C-alpha atoms as a PDB file:
ATOM      1  CA  MET A   1       6.593  90.405 -93.319  1.00  0.00           C
ATOM      2  CA  ASN A   2       7.354  93.754 -92.800  1.00  0.00           C
ATOM      3  CA  HIS A   3      10.465  94.563 -90.711  1.00  0.00           C
ATOM      4  CA  TYR A   4      10.073  98.139 -90.638  1.00  0.00           C
ATOM      5  CA  ASP A   5       6.761  98.099 -88.565  1.00  0.00           C
ATOM      6  CA  TRP A   6       7.245  94.707 -86.493  1.00  0.00           C
ATOM      7  CA  ALA A   7       6.892  95.978 -83.359  1.00  0.00           C
ATOM      8  CA  ASP A   8       3.706  97.783 -84.626  1.00  0.00           C
ATOM      9  CA  THR A   9       2.039  94.497 -85.673  1.00  0.00           C
ATOM     10  CA  PHE A  10       3.444  92.713 -82.473  1.00  0.00           C
ATOM     11  CA  ARG A  11       1.339  95.136 -80.535  1.00  0.00           C
ATOM     12  CA  GLU A  12      -1.833  94.719 -82.430  1.00  0.00           C
ATOM     13  CA  CYS A  13      -1.324  90.907 -81.467  1.00  0.00           C
ATOM     14  CA  TYR A  14      -0.824  92.006 -77.682  1.00  0.00           C
ATOM     15  CA  VAL A  15      -3.366  94.191 -77.784  1.00  0.00           C
ATOM     16  CA  ARG A  16      -5.963  91.362 -79.495  1.00  0.00           C
ATOM     17  CA  ALA A  17      -4.544  88.651 -76.642  1.00  0.00           C
ATOM     18  CA  VAL A  18      -5.549  91.285 -73.671  1.00  0.00           C
ATOM     19  CA  ALA A  19      -8.932  91.630 -75.200  1.00  0.00           C
ATOM     20  CA  GLU A  20      -9.545  87.903 -75.724  1.00  0.00           C
ATOM     21  CA  TYR A  21      -8.356  87.157 -72.380  1.00  0.00           C
ATOM     22  CA  HIS A  22     -10.688  89.842 -70.888  1.00  0.00           C
ATOM     23  CA  GLY A  23     -13.497  88.355 -72.847  1.00  0.00           C
ATOM     24  CA  GLY A  24     -12.783  85.085 -71.368  1.00  0.00           C
ATOM     25  CA  ASN A  25     -10.959  83.198 -74.036  1.00  0.00           C
ATOM     26  CA  ARG A  26      -8.612  80.868 -72.127  1.00  0.00           C
ATOM     27  CA  GLN A  27      -7.221  79.122 -75.273  1.00  0.00           C
ATOM     28  CA  PRO A  28      -4.324  80.843 -77.047  1.00  0.00           C
ATOM     29  CA  ALA A  29      -4.313  78.795 -79.933  1.00  0.00           C
ATOM     30  CA  ALA A  30      -7.755  80.786 -80.642  1.00  0.00           C
ATOM     31  CA  PHE A  31      -6.415  84.220 -79.828  1.00  0.00           C
ATOM     32  CA  PHE A  32      -5.019  84.947 -83.113  1.00  0.00           C
ATOM     33  CA  SER A  33      -5.895  85.094 -86.702  1.00  0.00           C
ATOM     34  CA  PRO A  34      -3.644  82.619 -88.875  1.00  0.00           C
ATOM     35  CA  GLU A  35      -1.761  85.619 -90.164  1.00  0.00           C
ATOM     36  CA  GLN A  36      -0.728  86.881 -86.736  1.00  0.00           C
ATOM     37  CA  THR A  37      -0.056  83.442 -85.523  1.00  0.00           C
ATOM     38  CA  THR A  38       2.444  83.520 -88.758  1.00  0.00           C
ATOM     39  CA  PHE A  39       3.972  86.678 -88.046  1.00  0.00           C
ATOM     40  CA  LEU A  40       4.474  85.248 -84.225  1.00  0.00           C
ATOM     41  CA  THR A  41       6.172  82.338 -85.282  1.00  0.00           C
ATOM     42  CA  GLY A  42       8.349  84.481 -87.666  1.00  0.00           C
ATOM     43  CA  ILE A  43       9.585  86.669 -84.959  1.00  0.00           C
ATOM     44  CA  GLY A  44      10.316  83.560 -83.086  1.00  0.00           C
ATOM     45  CA  CYS A  45       7.328  84.118 -80.545  1.00  0.00           C
ATOM     46  CA  THR A  46       4.459  81.778 -79.984  1.00  0.00           C
ATOM     47  CA  PRO A  47       0.579  82.296 -79.114  1.00  0.00           C
ATOM     48  CA  GLN A  48       1.284  80.519 -75.701  1.00  0.00           C
ATOM     49  CA  GLU A  49       3.997  82.937 -74.603  1.00  0.00           C
ATOM     50  CA  LEU A  50       1.697  86.136 -75.935  1.00  0.00           C
ATOM     51  CA  TYR A  51      -1.034  84.579 -73.894  1.00  0.00           C
ATOM     52  CA  ASP A  52       0.940  84.282 -70.699  1.00  0.00           C
ATOM     53  CA  PHE A  53       1.936  87.972 -70.974  1.00  0.00           C
ATOM     54  CA  ALA A  54      -1.477  89.071 -71.552  1.00  0.00           C
ATOM     55  CA  GLU A  55      -2.923  86.713 -68.799  1.00  0.00           C
ATOM     56  CA  ASP A  56      -0.481  88.525 -66.373  1.00  0.00           C
ATOM     57  CA  TRP A  57      -1.317  91.754 -66.997  1.00  0.00           C
ATOM     58  CA  CYS A  58      -4.846  91.020 -67.043  1.00  0.00           C
ATOM     59  CA  THR A  59      -4.475  89.597 -63.434  1.00  0.00           C
ATOM     60  CA  ALA A  60      -1.424  91.530 -61.964  1.00  0.00           C
ATOM     61  CA  GLN A  61      -1.196  94.763 -64.483  1.00  0.00           C
ATOM     62  CA  GLU A  62       2.638  93.566 -65.137  1.00  0.00           C
ATOM     63  CA  PRO A  63       4.629  93.246 -66.847  1.00  0.00           C
ATOM     64  CA  SER A  64       3.924  96.196 -68.870  1.00  0.00           C
ATOM     65  CA  PHE A  65       3.691  96.224 -72.996  1.00  0.00           C
ATOM     66  CA  ALA A  66       6.942  97.991 -73.045  1.00  0.00           C
ATOM     67  CA  THR A  67       8.552  95.367 -71.065  1.00  0.00           C
ATOM     68  CA  VAL A  68       6.855  92.549 -73.198  1.00  0.00           C
ATOM     69  CA  LEU A  69       8.307  94.181 -76.320  1.00  0.00           C
ATOM     70  CA  LEU A  70      11.812  94.555 -75.181  1.00  0.00           C
ATOM     71  CA  ILE A  71      11.956  90.688 -73.867  1.00  0.00           C
ATOM     72  CA  THR A  72      10.449  89.630 -77.608  1.00  0.00           C
ATOM     73  CA  ALA A  73      12.833  92.095 -79.350  1.00  0.00           C
ATOM     74  CA  ALA A  74      15.654  90.436 -77.866  1.00  0.00           C
ATOM     75  CA  ARG A  75      14.202  86.514 -78.575  1.00  0.00           C
ATOM     76  CA  ARG A  76      13.577  87.912 -81.932  1.00  0.00           C
ATOM     77  CA  ASP A  77      17.042  89.126 -82.622  1.00  0.00           C
ATOM     78  CA  TYR A  78      18.609  86.214 -81.325  1.00  0.00           C
ATOM     79  CA  PHE A  79      16.277  84.057 -83.419  1.00  0.00           C
ATOM     80  CA  TYR A  80      17.045  86.025 -86.613  1.00  0.00           C
ATOM     81  CA  THR A  81      20.992  86.437 -86.081  1.00  0.00           C
ATOM     82  CA  ILE A  82      22.129  83.144 -83.953  1.00  0.00           C
ATOM     83  CA  GLN A  83      19.244  80.692 -85.190  1.00  0.00           C
ATOM     84  CA  GLN A  84      18.926  82.010 -88.585  1.00  0.00           C
ATOM     85  CA  ARG A  85      15.137  81.739 -87.995  1.00  0.00           C
ATOM     86  CA  GLN A  86      15.319  77.981 -87.426  1.00  0.00           C
ATOM     87  CA  PRO A  87      14.027  76.703 -84.404  1.00  0.00           C
ATOM     88  CA  THR A  88      16.116  74.172 -82.501  1.00  0.00           C
ATOM     89  CA  GLY A  89      13.122  71.676 -82.005  1.00  0.00           C
ATOM     90  CA  ARG A  90      14.169  71.135 -78.427  1.00  0.00           C
ATOM     91  CA  THR A  91      11.828  72.117 -75.321  1.00  0.00           C
ATOM     92  CA  ILE A  92      13.060  72.407 -71.518  1.00  0.00           C
ATOM     93  CA  ALA A  93      10.441  71.240 -69.408  1.00  0.00           C
ATOM     94  CA  PRO A  94       9.872  72.460 -65.806  1.00  0.00           C
ATOM     95  CA  GLY A  95      11.911  69.623 -64.126  1.00  0.00           C
ATOM     96  CA  ASP A  96      14.734  70.526 -66.187  1.00  0.00           C
ATOM     97  CA  LEU A  97      15.371  73.462 -64.673  1.00  0.00           C
ATOM     98  CA  PRO A  98      17.176  74.262 -61.515  1.00  0.00           C
ATOM     99  CA  ALA A  99      14.965  74.342 -58.386  1.00  0.00           C
ATOM    100  CA  LYS A 100      13.549  77.583 -57.408  1.00  0.00           C
ATOM    101  CA  GLU A 101      15.295  77.315 -54.055  1.00  0.00           C
ATOM    102  CA  VAL A 102      18.804  76.961 -55.539  1.00  0.00           C
ATOM    103  CA  ALA A 103      21.023  80.251 -54.991  1.00  0.00           C
ATOM    104  CA  VAL A 104      24.594  80.968 -56.588  1.00  0.00           C
ATOM    105  CA  ALA A 105      26.830  83.598 -55.297  1.00  0.00           C
ATOM    106  CA  GLY A 106      24.028  84.401 -52.683  1.00  0.00           C
ATOM    107  CA  PHE A 107      21.291  85.162 -55.294  1.00  0.00           C
ATOM    108  CA  LEU A 108      18.100  82.863 -54.775  1.00  0.00           C
ATOM    109  CA  TRP A 109      16.345  81.928 -57.916  1.00  0.00           C
ATOM    110  CA  LEU A 110      19.746  83.208 -60.222  1.00  0.00           C
ATOM    111  CA  PRO A 111      20.443  79.604 -61.585  1.00  0.00           C
ATOM    112  CA  ARG A 112      16.887  78.860 -62.596  1.00  0.00           C
ATOM    113  CA  GLN A 113      16.933  82.166 -64.167  1.00  0.00           C
ATOM    114  CA  ILE A 114      20.150  81.877 -66.308  1.00  0.00           C
ATOM    115  CA  ALA A 115      18.345  78.564 -67.444  1.00  0.00           C
ATOM    116  CA  LYS A 116      15.383  80.012 -68.292  1.00  0.00           C
ATOM    117  CA  ALA A 117      16.947  83.095 -70.228  1.00  0.00           C
ATOM    118  CA  ARG A 118      19.035  80.360 -72.335  1.00  0.00           C
ATOM    119  CA  ALA A 119      15.663  78.740 -72.928  1.00  0.00           C
ATOM    120  CA  LYS A 120      14.148  81.628 -73.659  1.00  0.00           C
ATOM    121  CA  LEU A 121      16.599  83.128 -75.934  1.00  0.00           C
ATOM    122  CA  ALA A 122      16.360  79.819 -77.975  1.00  0.00           C
ATOM    123  CA  GLY A 123      12.873  79.393 -78.099  1.00  0.00           C
ATOM    124  CA  GLU A 124      12.832  76.314 -76.241  1.00  0.00           C
ATOM    125  CA  LEU A 125      10.827  76.757 -73.220  1.00  0.00           C
ATOM    126  CA  SER A 126       8.043  74.425 -72.732  1.00  0.00           C
ATOM    127  CA  PRO A 127       4.400  75.842 -72.718  1.00  0.00           C
ATOM    128  CA  GLU A 128       4.096  75.222 -69.041  1.00  0.00           C
ATOM    129  CA  LEU A 129       6.994  77.756 -68.589  1.00  0.00           C
ATOM    130  CA  MET A 130       7.026  81.637 -68.689  1.00  0.00           C
ATOM    131  CA  TYR A 131      10.113  83.981 -68.950  1.00  0.00           C
ATOM    132  CA  GLY A 132       8.782  87.098 -66.837  1.00  0.00           C
ATOM    133  CA  CYS A 133       6.626  85.102 -64.696  1.00  0.00           C
ATOM    134  CA  GLY A 134       5.608  86.505 -61.328  1.00  0.00           C
ATOM    135  CA  GLY A 135       8.567  84.702 -59.672  1.00  0.00           C
ATOM    136  CA  ASP A 136      10.901  85.804 -62.386  1.00  0.00           C
ATOM    137  CA  ARG A 137       9.659  89.290 -61.637  1.00  0.00           C
ATOM    138  CA  ALA A 138      10.126  89.373 -58.203  1.00  0.00           C
ATOM    139  CA  PHE A 139      13.754  88.117 -58.553  1.00  0.00           C
ATOM    140  CA  PHE A 140      14.407  90.753 -61.196  1.00  0.00           C
ATOM    141  CA  LYS A 141      13.175  93.548 -58.979  1.00  0.00           C
ATOM    142  CA  ARG A 142      15.329  92.405 -56.106  1.00  0.00           C
ATOM    143  CA  VAL A 143      18.473  92.486 -58.001  1.00  0.00           C
ATOM    144  CA  LYS A 144      17.272  95.656 -60.014  1.00  0.00           C
ATOM    145  CA  VAL A 145      17.634  94.201 -63.581  1.00  0.00           C
ATOM    146  CA  HIS A 146      15.467  94.570 -66.572  1.00  0.00           C
ATOM    147  CA  PRO A 147      14.253  91.103 -67.979  1.00  0.00           C
ATOM    148  CA  ALA A 148      15.162  92.178 -71.431  1.00  0.00           C
ATOM    149  CA  ASP A 149      18.479  93.225 -69.996  1.00  0.00           C
ATOM    150  CA  PHE A 150      19.205  90.149 -68.512  1.00  0.00           C
ATOM    151  CA  LEU A 151      18.571  88.389 -71.819  1.00  0.00           C
ATOM    152  CA  ARG A 152      20.955  90.253 -73.724  1.00  0.00           C
ATOM    153  CA  VAL A 153      23.665  89.865 -70.774  1.00  0.00           C
ATOM    154  CA  VAL A 154      23.123  85.986 -71.057  1.00  0.00           C
ATOM    155  CA  TRP A 155      23.700  86.145 -74.742  1.00  0.00           C
ATOM    156  CA  ALA A 156      26.617  87.764 -74.492  1.00  0.00           C
ATOM    157  CA  ALA A 157      27.940  85.981 -71.926  1.00  0.00           C
ATOM    158  CA  GLN A 158      28.366  83.013 -74.439  1.00  0.00           C
ATOM    159  CA  GLY A 159      27.796  80.382 -71.669  1.00  0.00           C
ATOM    160  CA  ASP A 160      30.201  82.109 -69.160  1.00  0.00           C
ATOM    161  CA  ASP A 161      28.123  82.103 -65.757  1.00  0.00           C
ATOM    162  CA  GLN A 162      30.475  84.125 -63.951  1.00  0.00           C
ATOM    163  CA  LYS A 163      29.943  87.132 -66.481  1.00  0.00           C
ATOM    164  CA  ILE A 164      26.326  86.906 -65.712  1.00  0.00           C
ATOM    165  CA  ILE A 165      26.848  86.507 -61.786  1.00  0.00           C
ATOM    166  CA  ALA A 166      29.434  89.663 -61.987  1.00  0.00           C
ATOM    167  CA  TYR A 167      26.341  91.559 -63.661  1.00  0.00           C
ATOM    168  CA  VAL A 168      23.656  90.883 -61.561  1.00  0.00           C
ATOM    169  CA  ARG A 169      25.969  91.472 -58.342  1.00  0.00           C
ATOM    170  CA  HIS A 170      26.994  94.809 -59.901  1.00  0.00           C
ATOM    171  CA  CYS A 171      23.289  95.888 -60.646  1.00  0.00           C
ATOM    172  CA  ALA A 172      22.117  94.622 -57.166  1.00  0.00           C
ATOM    173  CA  SER A 173      24.766  96.352 -55.326  1.00  0.00           C
ATOM    174  CA  ASN A 174      24.531  99.599 -57.600  1.00  0.00           C
ATOM    175  CA  ASP A 175      21.531 102.511 -57.157  1.00  0.00           C
ATOM    176  CA  SER A 176      22.952 104.083 -60.216  1.00  0.00           C
ATOM    177  CA  VAL A 177      21.577 103.440 -63.894  1.00  0.00           C
END
């Protein structure tokens, strides 16, 4: 893989996924060539993850490609630097996450979002889960946090939920950049 232009190759995969979805294909495993699948796996992404982003783009016009790229870049960086390109082999199922209606520090969905972010970074989300789904996007808009920034904050917090809560509290109460 050429690390210099990985983002261009990723965009080609994304464009193909959107075209496949628009064309009626609903089988993520059949979206990509073997080379593209190998590429995606090599950056810590699955065909299912890219399918989910393409599906949401085609049906809801979000998240944008820029957001998808930033989320994928955060996962790729974690996969390369922390995981040394080795998947954990674990999977987090929907029932393993905090319920959607659970709140912490007055923020509904935050406990679930923290758990999803950790699982996303580690590549452990089950195929039934999507980081950046409609519920996630509503949460991020409400607290004024970009989903890729949230991933990096969760990573930097190194398990300290109080640091994450402080970041979300700051962003939610602040209109400046």
